[in-house]
C-alpha cells in the first residue's frame, strides 16, 4: 500500500499525514525540499513539484493512490490538470482531490472556478476519485488573534448569509479515510463527492458572539468592507490573490455557503462522528491564548 500526499508541508497536508499514521499504509510526501521537510515518523519525503510534471512522474513510481492538493498559485488549474494527467498515465488506482465547497456556483471566483474545472475533468475522464469540497477553514480565524485580544474585534468580512466553516482536522480525517479505502480496494472504486463542512451556519455577528463567550469579554464584528480587506491583504499577498479572496468574500456576503442537512449527515457517516463546531474551536483557542 503506497500513498503519495501532495501539499504535504502545508496546513491541510500536515493534517492528512497525521491522520494516515497508524493506518497500515506506506506514505510518501511530495515536497520541493525533502532534506528540510518536517514530516511525521515513517513518512518518506520525495522530491517533486506540481509545476514540474517530470518530477511528479518520478514521484508516482510505485504509488497506488494520490492525495492531490494544488498550491494556491496563479497557475493552479494548469498544475492540477497536468498532475491528474500524469497520474492517469501512471495507472493510479485512486485519487482524493481537494476541491472547494461552492466551486460549482461561484463562477467568478478564480480559485473556485479552477477547482470546479478539475472536477469536470475527473468526471469527463471517469477517473477513480473522491472529490472533497471543504468550506472555509475554521482555523483561518487564528489570524484574528490580535484583533480579538487587542481590539475586541472579529474582522473577517463574511457577511450575514452564513458559512458552514469546517475544522481542518475533519478535512485531514476525511481525506485519510478515503485514501485508505481506495488504497485497500482490490480494484478502482467509483467516484464519490463529499462536502466538508461544519454543523453551523456562521455569520460575522454570530462568530463575534461566540468569541465573546469564549474570551469572556465583548467582541464586535468589524464589518464587511471588501475594499479595505483587499487593501490589507495586498500587504501580505500578491495583488491577484488579494482580488481573488475579495471576490470569494463578496460571494459569501451575497449568497453564503451553507451546508445542507444531507451534506452534514454524509460527512458524519464518513467521519464516524459529528463535524467539529466553531464554538469548540474558539473555546480551545481562547484557552491556549490564555496560557501564552
C-alpha atoms as a PDB file:
ATOM      1  CA  UNK A   1       0.000   0.000   0.000  1.00  0.00           C
ATOM      2  CA  UNK A   2       1.626   3.240  -1.141  1.00  0.00           C
ATOM      3  CA  UNK A   3       0.032   6.667  -0.910  1.00  0.00           C
ATOM      4  CA  UNK A   4       1.563   9.904  -2.220  1.00  0.00           C
ATOM      5  CA  UNK A   5       0.487  13.129  -0.497  1.00  0.00           C
ATOM      6  CA  UNK A   6       0.981  16.442  -2.294  1.00  0.00           C
ATOM      7  CA  UNK A   7       0.898  19.734  -0.423  1.00  0.00           C
ATOM      8  CA  UNK A   8       2.464  17.694   2.345  1.00  0.00           C
ATOM      9  CA  UNK A   9       4.131  20.506   4.294  1.00  0.00           C
ATOM     10  CA  UNK A  10       1.134  22.835   4.278  1.00  0.00           C
ATOM     11  CA  UNK A  11      -1.753  23.187   6.704  1.00  0.00           C
ATOM     12  CA  UNK A  12      -4.002  20.513   5.177  1.00  0.00           C
ATOM     13  CA  UNK A  13      -1.222  18.207   4.035  1.00  0.00           C
ATOM     14  CA  UNK A  14       0.089  18.046   7.601  1.00  0.00           C
ATOM     15  CA  UNK A  15      -3.365  17.045   8.838  1.00  0.00           C
ATOM     16  CA  UNK A  16      -3.628  14.321   6.202  1.00  0.00           C
ATOM     17  CA  UNK A  17      -0.215  12.906   7.098  1.00  0.00           C
ATOM     18  CA  UNK A  18      -1.071  12.919  10.801  1.00  0.00           C
ATOM     19  CA  UNK A  19      -4.317  11.064  10.144  1.00  0.00           C
ATOM     20  CA  UNK A  20      -2.578   8.476   7.954  1.00  0.00           C
ATOM     21  CA  UNK A  21      -0.307   7.422  10.792  1.00  0.00           C
ATOM     22  CA  UNK A  22      -1.141   4.022  12.272  1.00  0.00           C
ATOM     23  CA  UNK A  23      -3.357   3.122   9.294  1.00  0.00           C
ATOM     24  CA  UNK A  24      -1.025   0.477   7.885  1.00  0.00           C
ATOM     25  CA  UNK A  25      -0.036   2.412   4.778  1.00  0.00           C
ATOM     26  CA  UNK A  26       3.252   3.255   3.114  1.00  0.00           C
ATOM     27  CA  UNK A  27       3.081   7.054   2.888  1.00  0.00           C
ATOM     28  CA  UNK A  28       5.232   9.326   0.752  1.00  0.00           C
ATOM     29  CA  UNK A  29       5.182  13.118   0.876  1.00  0.00           C
ATOM     30  CA  UNK A  30       5.862  15.229  -2.204  1.00  0.00           C
ATOM     31  CA  UNK A  31       7.975  18.247  -1.319  1.00  0.00           C
ATOM     32  CA  UNK A  32      10.319  20.636  -3.078  1.00  0.00           C
ATOM     33  CA  UNK A  33      12.818  20.334  -0.200  1.00  0.00           C
ATOM     34  CA  UNK A  34      12.903  16.779   1.174  1.00  0.00           C
ATOM     35  CA  UNK A  35      16.103  17.463   3.078  1.00  0.00           C
ATOM     36  CA  UNK A  36      14.414  20.055   5.332  1.00  0.00           C
ATOM     37  CA  UNK A  37      10.785  18.882   5.346  1.00  0.00           C
ATOM     38  CA  UNK A  38       9.362  18.306   8.832  1.00  0.00           C
ATOM     39  CA  UNK A  39       7.318  15.127   8.445  1.00  0.00           C
ATOM     40  CA  UNK A  40       5.803  12.560  10.819  1.00  0.00           C
ATOM     41  CA  UNK A  41       7.803   9.459  11.629  1.00  0.00           C
ATOM     42  CA  UNK A  42       7.503   6.796   8.975  1.00  0.00           C
ATOM     43  CA  UNK A  43       6.681   9.196   6.124  1.00  0.00           C
ATOM     44  CA  UNK A  44       9.145   9.191   3.205  1.00  0.00           C
ATOM     45  CA  UNK A  45       9.950  12.562   1.649  1.00  0.00           C
ATOM     46  CA  UNK A  46      10.009  12.546  -2.161  1.00  0.00           C
ATOM     47  CA  UNK A  47      11.340  15.457  -4.176  1.00  0.00           C
ATOM     48  CA  UNK A  48       8.830  16.971  -6.591  1.00  0.00           C
ATOM     49  CA  UNK A  49       6.759  19.976  -7.599  1.00  0.00           C
ATOM     50  CA  UNK A  50       3.381  20.022  -9.340  1.00  0.00           C
ATOM     51  CA  UNK A  51       4.737  22.681 -11.699  1.00  0.00           C
ATOM     52  CA  UNK A  52       7.263  20.092 -12.939  1.00  0.00           C
ATOM     53  CA  UNK A  53       5.391  17.121 -14.496  1.00  0.00           C
ATOM     54  CA  UNK A  54       8.572  15.068 -14.854  1.00  0.00           C
ATOM     55  CA  UNK A  55       9.194  15.262 -11.112  1.00  0.00           C
ATOM     56  CA  UNK A  56       5.599  14.139 -10.494  1.00  0.00           C
ATOM     57  CA  UNK A  57       6.114  11.204 -12.881  1.00  0.00           C
ATOM     58  CA  UNK A  58       9.168  10.130 -10.919  1.00  0.00           C
ATOM     59  CA  UNK A  59       7.405  10.545  -7.561  1.00  0.00           C
ATOM     60  CA  UNK A  60       4.451   8.417  -8.707  1.00  0.00           C
ATOM     61  CA  UNK A  61       6.581   5.364  -9.440  1.00  0.00           C
ATOM     62  CA  UNK A  62       5.324   2.569  -7.207  1.00  0.00           C
ATOM     63  CA  UNK A  63       2.393   4.652  -5.949  1.00  0.00           C
ATOM     64  CA  UNK A  64      -1.182   3.366  -5.998  1.00  0.00           C
ATOM     65  CA  UNK A  65      -3.175   6.239  -4.502  1.00  0.00           C
ATOM     66  CA  UNK A  66      -2.738  10.011  -4.724  1.00  0.00           C
ATOM     67  CA  UNK A  67      -3.865  12.853  -2.467  1.00  0.00           C
ATOM     68  CA  UNK A  68      -3.958  15.843  -4.785  1.00  0.00           C
ATOM     69  CA  UNK A  69      -3.817  19.296  -3.220  1.00  0.00           C
ATOM     70  CA  UNK A  70      -2.622  22.046  -5.534  1.00  0.00           C
ATOM     71  CA  UNK A  71      -0.949  25.206  -4.222  1.00  0.00           C
ATOM     72  CA  UNK A  72      -2.874  28.476  -4.320  1.00  0.00           C
ATOM     73  CA  UNK A  73      -0.889  29.992  -7.184  1.00  0.00           C
ATOM     74  CA  UNK A  74      -1.836  31.804 -10.357  1.00  0.00           C
ATOM     75  CA  UNK A  75      -1.443  28.650 -12.491  1.00  0.00           C
ATOM     76  CA  UNK A  76      -3.147  26.305 -10.020  1.00  0.00           C
ATOM     77  CA  UNK A  77      -5.532  24.967 -12.658  1.00  0.00           C
ATOM     78  CA  UNK A  78      -2.743  24.068 -15.092  1.00  0.00           C
ATOM     79  CA  UNK A  79      -0.678  22.389 -12.389  1.00  0.00           C
ATOM     80  CA  UNK A  80      -3.612  20.303 -11.185  1.00  0.00           C
ATOM     81  CA  UNK A  81      -4.758  19.190 -14.630  1.00  0.00           C
ATOM     82  CA  UNK A  82      -1.239  18.164 -15.610  1.00  0.00           C
ATOM     83  CA  UNK A  83      -0.779  16.284 -12.321  1.00  0.00           C
ATOM     84  CA  UNK A  84      -4.010  14.390 -12.961  1.00  0.00           C
ATOM     85  CA  UNK A  85      -2.875  13.599 -16.499  1.00  0.00           C
ATOM     86  CA  UNK A  86       0.427  12.229 -15.238  1.00  0.00           C
ATOM     87  CA  UNK A  87      -1.379  10.201 -12.544  1.00  0.00           C
ATOM     88  CA  UNK A  88      -3.761   8.762 -15.123  1.00  0.00           C
ATOM     89  CA  UNK A  89      -0.878   7.775 -17.391  1.00  0.00           C
ATOM     90  CA  UNK A  90       0.854   6.135 -14.414  1.00  0.00           C
ATOM     91  CA  UNK A  91      -2.188   3.951 -13.790  1.00  0.00           C
ATOM     92  CA  UNK A  92      -3.003   5.340 -10.354  1.00  0.00           C
ATOM     93  CA  UNK A  93      -5.762   3.247  -8.736  1.00  0.00           C
ATOM     94  CA  UNK A  94      -7.353   6.078  -6.775  1.00  0.00           C
ATOM     95  CA  UNK A  95      -7.237   9.847  -6.298  1.00  0.00           C
ATOM     96  CA  UNK A  96      -8.508  12.012  -3.471  1.00  0.00           C
ATOM     97  CA  UNK A  97      -8.774  15.576  -4.753  1.00  0.00           C
ATOM     98  CA  UNK A  98      -9.182  18.623  -2.518  1.00  0.00           C
ATOM     99  CA  UNK A  99     -11.641  20.943  -4.255  1.00  0.00           C
ATOM    100  CA  UNK A 100     -13.808  23.620  -2.590  1.00  0.00           C
ATOM    101  CA  UNK A 101     -17.377  23.972  -1.332  1.00  0.00           C
ATOM    102  CA  UNK A 102     -19.337  26.153  -3.755  1.00  0.00           C
ATOM    103  CA  UNK A 103     -16.996  25.758  -6.705  1.00  0.00           C
ATOM    104  CA  UNK A 104     -19.921  24.883  -8.958  1.00  0.00           C
ATOM    105  CA  UNK A 105     -21.711  28.123  -8.010  1.00  0.00           C
ATOM    106  CA  UNK A 106     -19.061  30.830  -7.581  1.00  0.00           C
ATOM    107  CA  UNK A 107     -18.220  31.104 -11.272  1.00  0.00           C
ATOM    108  CA  UNK A 108     -16.419  34.462 -10.937  1.00  0.00           C
ATOM    109  CA  UNK A 109     -14.035  33.439  -8.127  1.00  0.00           C
ATOM    110  CA  UNK A 110     -10.852  32.219  -9.860  1.00  0.00           C
ATOM    111  CA  UNK A 111      -9.697  29.528  -7.451  1.00  0.00           C
ATOM    112  CA  UNK A 112     -13.247  28.215  -7.034  1.00  0.00           C
ATOM    113  CA  UNK A 113     -13.854  28.080 -10.789  1.00  0.00           C
ATOM    114  CA  UNK A 114     -10.484  26.418 -11.343  1.00  0.00           C
ATOM    115  CA  UNK A 115     -11.186  23.671  -8.840  1.00  0.00           C
ATOM    116  CA  UNK A 116     -14.591  23.027 -10.363  1.00  0.00           C
ATOM    117  CA  UNK A 117     -12.938  22.708 -13.791  1.00  0.00           C
ATOM    118  CA  UNK A 118     -10.736  19.993 -12.319  1.00  0.00           C
ATOM    119  CA  UNK A 119     -13.873  18.268 -11.018  1.00  0.00           C
ATOM    120  CA  UNK A 120     -15.254  18.359 -14.570  1.00  0.00           C
ATOM    121  CA  UNK A 121     -12.033  16.766 -15.840  1.00  0.00           C
ATOM    122  CA  UNK A 122     -12.349  13.986 -13.253  1.00  0.00           C
ATOM    123  CA  UNK A 123     -15.920  13.327 -14.333  1.00  0.00           C
ATOM    124  CA  UNK A 124     -15.267  13.571 -18.070  1.00  0.00           C
ATOM    125  CA  UNK A 125     -12.363  11.109 -17.909  1.00  0.00           C
ATOM    126  CA  UNK A 126     -14.166   8.859 -15.406  1.00  0.00           C
ATOM    127  CA  UNK A 127     -11.217   8.928 -13.031  1.00  0.00           C
ATOM    128  CA  UNK A 128     -11.473   6.783  -9.867  1.00  0.00           C
ATOM    129  CA  UNK A 129     -11.546   9.713  -7.467  1.00  0.00           C
ATOM    130  CA  UNK A 130     -13.058  11.091  -4.311  1.00  0.00           C
ATOM    131  CA  UNK A 131     -13.696  14.818  -4.549  1.00  0.00           C
ATOM    132  CA  UNK A 132     -13.607  16.608  -1.210  1.00  0.00           C
ATOM    133  CA  UNK A 133     -15.228  20.045  -1.106  1.00  0.00           C
ATOM    134  CA  UNK A 134     -14.136  21.874   2.056  1.00  0.00           C
ATOM    135  CA  UNK A 135     -15.824  25.065   3.160  1.00  0.00           C
ATOM    136  CA  UNK A 136     -13.847  27.983   4.609  1.00  0.00           C
ATOM    137  CA  UNK A 137     -11.355  26.662   7.161  1.00  0.00           C
ATOM    138  CA  UNK A 138     -12.212  27.424  10.793  1.00  0.00           C
ATOM    139  CA  UNK A 139      -8.512  27.651  11.645  1.00  0.00           C
ATOM    140  CA  UNK A 140      -8.088  30.551   9.222  1.00  0.00           C
ATOM    141  CA  UNK A 141      -9.535  32.607  12.069  1.00  0.00           C
ATOM    142  CA  UNK A 142      -6.450  32.046  14.194  1.00  0.00           C
ATOM    143  CA  UNK A 143      -5.224  35.057  12.221  1.00  0.00           C
ATOM    144  CA  UNK A 144      -7.847  37.084  14.059  1.00  0.00           C
ATOM    145  CA  UNK A 145      -5.974  36.703  17.362  1.00  0.00           C
ATOM    146  CA  UNK A 146      -4.531  40.215  17.607  1.00  0.00           C
ATOM    147  CA  UNK A 147      -7.788  41.886  16.621  1.00  0.00           C
ATOM    148  CA  UNK A 148      -9.759  39.802  19.100  1.00  0.00           C
ATOM    149  CA  UNK A 149      -7.379  40.180  22.045  1.00  0.00           C
ATOM    150  CA  UNK A 150      -6.155  43.729  21.486  1.00  0.00           C
ATOM    151  CA  UNK A 151      -9.092  45.403  19.773  1.00  0.00           C
ATOM    152  CA  UNK A 152     -12.108  43.335  20.762  1.00  0.00           C
ATOM    153  CA  UNK A 153     -12.950  42.903  17.073  1.00  0.00           C
ATOM    154  CA  UNK A 154     -13.618  39.928  14.844  1.00  0.00           C
ATOM    155  CA  UNK A 155     -12.533  41.274  11.485  1.00  0.00           C
ATOM    156  CA  UNK A 156     -13.358  38.686   8.809  1.00  0.00           C
ATOM    157  CA  UNK A 157     -15.950  40.170   6.385  1.00  0.00           C
ATOM    158  CA  UNK A 158     -18.006  37.003   5.985  1.00  0.00           C
ATOM    159  CA  UNK A 159     -21.385  38.734   5.871  1.00  0.00           C
ATOM    160  CA  UNK A 160     -24.785  37.716   7.188  1.00  0.00           C
ATOM    161  CA  UNK A 161     -25.874  34.870   4.878  1.00  0.00           C
ATOM    162  CA  UNK A 162     -23.996  32.162   6.727  1.00  0.00           C
ATOM    163  CA  UNK A 163     -20.973  29.899   6.138  1.00  0.00           C
ATOM    164  CA  UNK A 164     -20.633  26.298   7.310  1.00  0.00           C
ATOM    165  CA  UNK A 165     -16.938  26.580   8.204  1.00  0.00           C
ATOM    166  CA  UNK A 166     -15.005  23.323   8.567  1.00  0.00           C
ATOM    167  CA  UNK A 167     -12.339  22.293  11.056  1.00  0.00           C
ATOM    168  CA  UNK A 168      -9.100  21.306   9.312  1.00  0.00           C
ATOM    169  CA  UNK A 169      -8.886  18.188  11.487  1.00  0.00           C
ATOM    170  CA  UNK A 170     -12.079  16.937   9.874  1.00  0.00           C
ATOM    171  CA  UNK A 171     -10.559  17.590   6.449  1.00  0.00           C
ATOM    172  CA  UNK A 172      -7.492  15.537   7.302  1.00  0.00           C
ATOM    173  CA  UNK A 173      -9.577  12.732   8.753  1.00  0.00           C
ATOM    174  CA  UNK A 174     -11.933  12.555   5.771  1.00  0.00           C
ATOM    175  CA  UNK A 175      -9.036  12.579   3.310  1.00  0.00           C
ATOM    176  CA  UNK A 176      -7.132   9.845   5.156  1.00  0.00           C
ATOM    177  CA  UNK A 177     -10.240   7.668   5.397  1.00  0.00           C
ATOM    178  CA  UNK A 178     -10.873   7.895   1.664  1.00  0.00           C
ATOM    179  CA  UNK A 179      -7.218   7.403   0.770  1.00  0.00           C
ATOM    180  CA  UNK A 180      -7.026   4.193   2.773  1.00  0.00           C
ATOM    181  CA  UNK A 181     -10.376   2.966   1.453  1.00  0.00           C
ATOM    182  CA  UNK A 182      -9.224   3.407  -2.134  1.00  0.00           C
ATOM    183  CA  UNK A 183      -5.754   2.046  -1.381  1.00  0.00           C
ATOM    184  CA  UNK A 184      -7.116  -1.146   0.177  1.00  0.00           C
ATOM    185  CA  UNK A 185      -9.686  -1.813  -2.565  1.00  0.00           C
ATOM    186  CA  UNK A 186      -8.620  -4.596  -4.964  1.00  0.00           C
ATOM    187  CA  UNK A 187      -9.869  -2.596  -7.960  1.00  0.00           C
ATOM    188  CA  UNK A 188     -10.562   1.111  -8.656  1.00  0.00           C
ATOM    189  CA  UNK A 189     -13.688   2.375  -6.888  1.00  0.00           C
ATOM    190  CA  UNK A 190     -16.466   4.588  -8.309  1.00  0.00           C
ATOM    191  CA  UNK A 191     -16.324   8.365  -7.870  1.00  0.00           C
ATOM    192  CA  UNK A 192     -17.549   9.962  -4.660  1.00  0.00           C
ATOM    193  CA  UNK A 193     -18.065  13.581  -3.661  1.00  0.00           C
ATOM    194  CA  UNK A 194     -18.269  14.909  -0.119  1.00  0.00           C
ATOM    195  CA  UNK A 195     -18.919  18.388   1.222  1.00  0.00           C
ATOM    196  CA  UNK A 196     -16.536  19.012   4.124  1.00  0.00           C
ATOM    197  CA  UNK A 197     -18.467  21.382   6.337  1.00  0.00           C
ATOM    198  CA  UNK A 198     -19.220  22.354   9.893  1.00  0.00           C
ATOM    199  CA  UNK A 199     -22.516  21.886  11.713  1.00  0.00           C
ATOM    200  CA  UNK A 200     -23.403  25.593  11.960  1.00  0.00           C
ATOM    201  CA  UNK A 201     -24.365  28.468   9.674  1.00  0.00           C
ATOM    202  CA  UNK A 202     -21.948  31.168  10.843  1.00  0.00           C
ATOM    203  CA  UNK A 203     -22.253  34.931  10.308  1.00  0.00           C
ATOM    204  CA  UNK A 204     -19.908  37.752  11.247  1.00  0.00           C
ATOM    205  CA  UNK A 205     -22.042  38.799  14.182  1.00  0.00           C
ATOM    206  CA  UNK A 206     -22.643  35.194  15.199  1.00  0.00           C
ATOM    207  CA  UNK A 207     -18.930  34.492  15.351  1.00  0.00           C
ATOM    208  CA  UNK A 208     -18.366  37.692  17.336  1.00  0.00           C
ATOM    209  CA  UNK A 209     -20.887  36.368  19.871  1.00  0.00           C
ATOM    210  CA  UNK A 210     -19.069  33.021  20.033  1.00  0.00           C
ATOM    211  CA  UNK A 211     -15.783  34.814  20.734  1.00  0.00           C
ATOM    212  CA  UNK A 212     -17.446  36.993  23.378  1.00  0.00           C
ATOM    213  CA  UNK A 213     -18.425  33.836  25.227  1.00  0.00           C
ATOM    214  CA  UNK A 214     -15.066  32.109  24.705  1.00  0.00           C
ATOM    215  CA  UNK A 215     -12.964  35.110  25.781  1.00  0.00           C
ATOM    216  CA  UNK A 216     -15.306  36.405  28.471  1.00  0.00           C
ATOM    217  CA  UNK A 217     -15.313  39.949  27.057  1.00  0.00           C
ATOM    218  CA  UNK A 218     -17.371  41.868  24.486  1.00  0.00           C
ATOM    219  CA  UNK A 219     -16.335  41.212  20.890  1.00  0.00           C
ATOM    220  CA  UNK A 220     -17.884  43.054  17.956  1.00  0.00           C
ATOM    221  CA  UNK A 221     -17.847  42.299  14.257  1.00  0.00           C
ATOM    222  CA  UNK A 222     -15.681  44.715  12.300  1.00  0.00           C
ATOM    223  CA  UNK A 223     -17.997  44.863   9.303  1.00  0.00           C
ATOM    224  CA  UNK A 224     -17.987  43.735   5.700  1.00  0.00           C
ATOM    225  CA  UNK A 225     -15.934  46.324   3.810  1.00  0.00           C
ATOM    226  CA  UNK A 226     -14.284  44.381   0.997  1.00  0.00           C
ATOM    227  CA  UNK A 227     -12.214  47.267  -0.384  1.00  0.00           C
ATOM    228  CA  UNK A 228     -10.416  47.651   2.924  1.00  0.00           C
ATOM    229  CA  UNK A 229      -9.970  43.880   3.124  1.00  0.00           C
ATOM    230  CA  UNK A 230      -8.376  43.762  -0.320  1.00  0.00           C
ATOM    231  CA  UNK A 231      -6.043  46.636   0.511  1.00  0.00           C
ATOM    232  CA  UNK A 232      -4.880  44.977   3.721  1.00  0.00           C
ATOM    233  CA  UNK A 233      -4.481  41.608   2.031  1.00  0.00           C
ATOM    234  CA  UNK A 234      -2.244  43.125  -0.651  1.00  0.00           C
ATOM    235  CA  UNK A 235       0.304  43.982   2.044  1.00  0.00           C
ATOM    236  CA  UNK A 236       0.746  40.240   2.643  1.00  0.00           C
ATOM    237  CA  UNK A 237      -0.170  38.538  -0.651  1.00  0.00           C
ATOM    238  CA  UNK A 238       0.152  39.261  -4.394  1.00  0.00           C
ATOM    239  CA  UNK A 239      -2.487  41.559  -5.868  1.00  0.00           C
ATOM    240  CA  UNK A 240      -4.095  38.750  -7.909  1.00  0.00           C
ATOM    241  CA  UNK A 241      -4.526  36.683  -4.760  1.00  0.00           C
ATOM    242  CA  UNK A 242      -5.991  39.590  -2.808  1.00  0.00           C
ATOM    243  CA  UNK A 243      -8.583  40.218  -5.528  1.00  0.00           C
ATOM    244  CA  UNK A 244      -9.410  36.508  -5.722  1.00  0.00           C
ATOM    245  CA  UNK A 245     -10.121  36.497  -1.966  1.00  0.00           C
ATOM    246  CA  UNK A 246     -12.164  39.685  -2.203  1.00  0.00           C
ATOM    247  CA  UNK A 247     -14.354  38.032  -4.816  1.00  0.00           C
ATOM    248  CA  UNK A 248     -14.755  34.987  -2.577  1.00  0.00           C
ATOM    249  CA  UNK A 249     -15.826  37.052   0.409  1.00  0.00           C
ATOM    250  CA  UNK A 250     -18.152  39.020  -1.849  1.00  0.00           C
ATOM    251  CA  UNK A 251     -19.921  35.788  -2.742  1.00  0.00           C
ATOM    252  CA  UNK A 252     -20.065  34.803   0.907  1.00  0.00           C
ATOM    253  CA  UNK A 253     -21.798  38.097   1.587  1.00  0.00           C
ATOM    254  CA  UNK A 254     -24.322  37.875  -1.240  1.00  0.00           C
ATOM    255  CA  UNK A 255     -25.054  34.140  -1.283  1.00  0.00           C
ATOM    256  CA  UNK A 256     -23.466  32.482   1.719  1.00  0.00           C
ATOM    257  CA  UNK A 257     -22.063  28.949   1.787  1.00  0.00           C
ATOM    258  CA  UNK A 258     -24.396  26.923   3.955  1.00  0.00           C
ATOM    259  CA  UNK A 259     -24.329  23.132   4.037  1.00  0.00           C
ATOM    260  CA  UNK A 260     -27.477  21.080   3.672  1.00  0.00           C
ATOM    261  CA  UNK A 261     -28.651  18.557   6.235  1.00  0.00           C
ATOM    262  CA  UNK A 262     -27.669  15.823   3.774  1.00  0.00           C
ATOM    263  CA  UNK A 263     -24.135  17.264   3.468  1.00  0.00           C
ATOM    264  CA  UNK A 264     -23.704  17.120   7.234  1.00  0.00           C
ATOM    265  CA  UNK A 265     -25.223  13.636   7.514  1.00  0.00           C
ATOM    266  CA  UNK A 266     -22.935  12.178   4.824  1.00  0.00           C
ATOM    267  CA  UNK A 267     -19.859  13.743   6.396  1.00  0.00           C
ATOM    268  CA  UNK A 268     -20.873  12.497   9.840  1.00  0.00           C
ATOM    269  CA  UNK A 269     -21.112   8.973   8.449  1.00  0.00           C
ATOM    270  CA  UNK A 270     -17.716   9.270   6.748  1.00  0.00           C
ATOM    271  CA  UNK A 271     -16.003  10.598   9.875  1.00  0.00           C
ATOM    272  CA  UNK A 272     -17.838   8.384  12.333  1.00  0.00           C
ATOM    273  CA  UNK A 273     -18.639  11.452  14.425  1.00  0.00           C
ATOM    274  CA  UNK A 274     -20.314  14.837  14.011  1.00  0.00           C
ATOM    275  CA  UNK A 275     -18.167  17.524  12.378  1.00  0.00           C
ATOM    276  CA  UNK A 276     -16.409  19.792  14.862  1.00  0.00           C
ATOM    277  CA  UNK A 277     -18.018  23.129  15.707  1.00  0.00           C
ATOM    278  CA  UNK A 278     -16.670  26.672  15.617  1.00  0.00           C
ATOM    279  CA  UNK A 279     -17.616  27.159  19.278  1.00  0.00           C
ATOM    280  CA  UNK A 280     -15.413  24.231  20.318  1.00  0.00           C
ATOM    281  CA  UNK A 281     -12.536  25.661  18.264  1.00  0.00           C
ATOM    282  CA  UNK A 282     -12.950  29.127  19.824  1.00  0.00           C
ATOM    283  CA  UNK A 283     -13.028  27.680  23.340  1.00  0.00           C
ATOM    284  CA  UNK A 284      -9.823  25.724  22.715  1.00  0.00           C
ATOM    285  CA  UNK A 285      -8.089  28.699  21.072  1.00  0.00           C
ATOM    286  CA  UNK A 286      -9.023  31.017  23.947  1.00  0.00           C
ATOM    287  CA  UNK A 287      -7.616  28.523  26.435  1.00  0.00           C
ATOM    288  CA  UNK A 288      -4.348  28.258  24.506  1.00  0.00           C
ATOM    289  CA  UNK A 289      -4.011  32.031  24.163  1.00  0.00           C
ATOM    290  CA  UNK A 290      -4.578  32.455  27.902  1.00  0.00           C
ATOM    291  CA  UNK A 291      -1.526  30.267  28.567  1.00  0.00           C
ATOM    292  CA  UNK A 292       0.801  32.456  26.470  1.00  0.00           C
END
